Amino acid sequence: MAGEPRKSFLLRIDPKLWSEVEAWAQEDLRSVNGQIEFLLKQAVARRKNQAPPADESGN
């Protein structure tokens, strides 16, 4: 991923959640964008290390 261009997209987010993420980013000395990317990377890594959830149809 290092040499690939970054993907831009519009994110609609609740203002209260934005404020929480913004404060958290400041504590971690990151931009809000950097904080969101950090959190998404953590979530993806966690998901890869877990068994996939059973789908709701029971299959």
C-alpha atoms as a PDB file:
ATOM      1  CA  MET A   1       0.000   0.000   0.000  1.00  0.00           C
ATOM      2  CA  ALA A   2       2.924   2.355   0.489  1.00  0.00           C
ATOM      3  CA  GLY A   3       3.204   3.492  -3.144  1.00  0.00           C
ATOM      4  CA  GLU A   4      -0.490   3.563  -3.967  1.00  0.00           C
ATOM      5  CA  PRO A   5      -2.378   6.869  -4.043  1.00  0.00           C
ATOM      6  CA  ARG A   6      -4.700   7.436  -1.112  1.00  0.00           C
ATOM      7  CA  LYS A   7      -8.436   7.101  -1.658  1.00  0.00           C
ATOM      8  CA  SER A   8     -10.589  10.115  -0.814  1.00  0.00           C
ATOM      9  CA  PHE A   9     -14.242   9.800   0.155  1.00  0.00           C
ATOM     10  CA  LEU A  10     -16.993  11.771   1.832  1.00  0.00           C
ATOM     11  CA  LEU A  11     -17.821  10.724   5.388  1.00  0.00           C
ATOM     12  CA  ARG A  12     -21.054  11.766   7.037  1.00  0.00           C
ATOM     13  CA  ILE A  13     -20.703  11.499  10.794  1.00  0.00           C
ATOM     14  CA  ASP A  14     -22.729  12.520  13.818  1.00  0.00           C
ATOM     15  CA  PRO A  15     -21.311  15.768  15.254  1.00  0.00           C
ATOM     16  CA  LYS A  16     -21.031  14.275  18.751  1.00  0.00           C
ATOM     17  CA  LEU A  17     -19.039  11.323  17.422  1.00  0.00           C
ATOM     18  CA  TRP A  18     -16.854  13.721  15.428  1.00  0.00           C
ATOM     19  CA  SER A  19     -16.102  15.660  18.625  1.00  0.00           C
ATOM     20  CA  GLU A  20     -15.141  12.452  20.444  1.00  0.00           C
ATOM     21  CA  VAL A  21     -12.862  11.298  17.628  1.00  0.00           C
ATOM     22  CA  GLU A  22     -11.347  14.773  17.348  1.00  0.00           C
ATOM     23  CA  ALA A  23     -10.548  14.892  21.082  1.00  0.00           C
ATOM     24  CA  TRP A  24      -9.112  11.364  20.945  1.00  0.00           C
ATOM     25  CA  ALA A  25      -6.973  12.301  17.935  1.00  0.00           C
ATOM     26  CA  GLN A  26      -5.589  15.305  19.820  1.00  0.00           C
ATOM     27  CA  GLU A  27      -4.691  13.079  22.781  1.00  0.00           C
ATOM     28  CA  ASP A  28      -2.857  10.694  20.431  1.00  0.00           C
ATOM     29  CA  LEU A  29      -1.205  13.590  18.537  1.00  0.00           C
ATOM     30  CA  ARG A  30      -2.913  12.647  15.262  1.00  0.00           C
ATOM     31  CA  SER A  31      -5.157  14.400  12.805  1.00  0.00           C
ATOM     32  CA  VAL A  32      -8.785  13.294  12.766  1.00  0.00           C
ATOM     33  CA  ASN A  33      -8.129  11.660   9.397  1.00  0.00           C
ATOM     34  CA  GLY A  34      -5.107   9.839  10.830  1.00  0.00           C
ATOM     35  CA  GLN A  35      -7.123   8.730  13.860  1.00  0.00           C
ATOM     36  CA  ILE A  36      -9.944   7.346  11.723  1.00  0.00           C
ATOM     37  CA  GLU A  37      -7.441   5.475   9.534  1.00  0.00           C
ATOM     38  CA  PHE A  38      -5.706   4.104  12.659  1.00  0.00           C
ATOM     39  CA  LEU A  39      -9.030   2.884  14.081  1.00  0.00           C
ATOM     40  CA  LEU A  40     -10.066   1.285  10.793  1.00  0.00           C
ATOM     41  CA  LYS A  41      -6.714  -0.525  10.510  1.00  0.00           C
ATOM     42  CA  GLN A  42      -7.132  -1.863  14.056  1.00  0.00           C
ATOM     43  CA  ALA A  43     -10.675  -3.037  13.305  1.00  0.00           C
ATOM     44  CA  VAL A  44      -9.587  -4.807  10.113  1.00  0.00           C
ATOM     45  CA  ALA A  45      -6.679  -6.505  11.910  1.00  0.00           C
ATOM     46  CA  ARG A  46      -9.007  -7.670  14.707  1.00  0.00           C
ATOM     47  CA  ARG A  47     -11.522  -8.976  12.197  1.00  0.00           C
ATOM     48  CA  LYS A  48      -8.838 -10.959  10.359  1.00  0.00           C
ATOM     49  CA  ASN A  49      -7.784 -12.621  13.610  1.00  0.00           C
ATOM     50  CA  GLN A  50     -11.299 -13.771  14.499  1.00  0.00           C
ATOM     51  CA  ALA A  51     -13.486 -16.468  13.059  1.00  0.00           C
ATOM     52  CA  PRO A  52     -16.038 -15.014  10.658  1.00  0.00           C
ATOM     53  CA  PRO A  53     -19.436 -14.452  12.278  1.00  0.00           C
ATOM     54  CA  ALA A  54     -22.202 -16.868  11.339  1.00  0.00           C
ATOM     55  CA  ASP A  55     -24.599 -15.225   8.959  1.00  0.00           C
ATOM     56  CA  GLU A  56     -28.104 -14.604  10.210  1.00  0.00           C
ATOM     57  CA  SER A  57     -29.665 -17.154   7.864  1.00  0.00           C
ATOM     58  CA  GLY A  58     -27.862 -19.944   9.708  1.00  0.00           C
ATOM     59  CA  ASN A  59     -25.647 -20.928   6.749  1.00  0.00           C
END
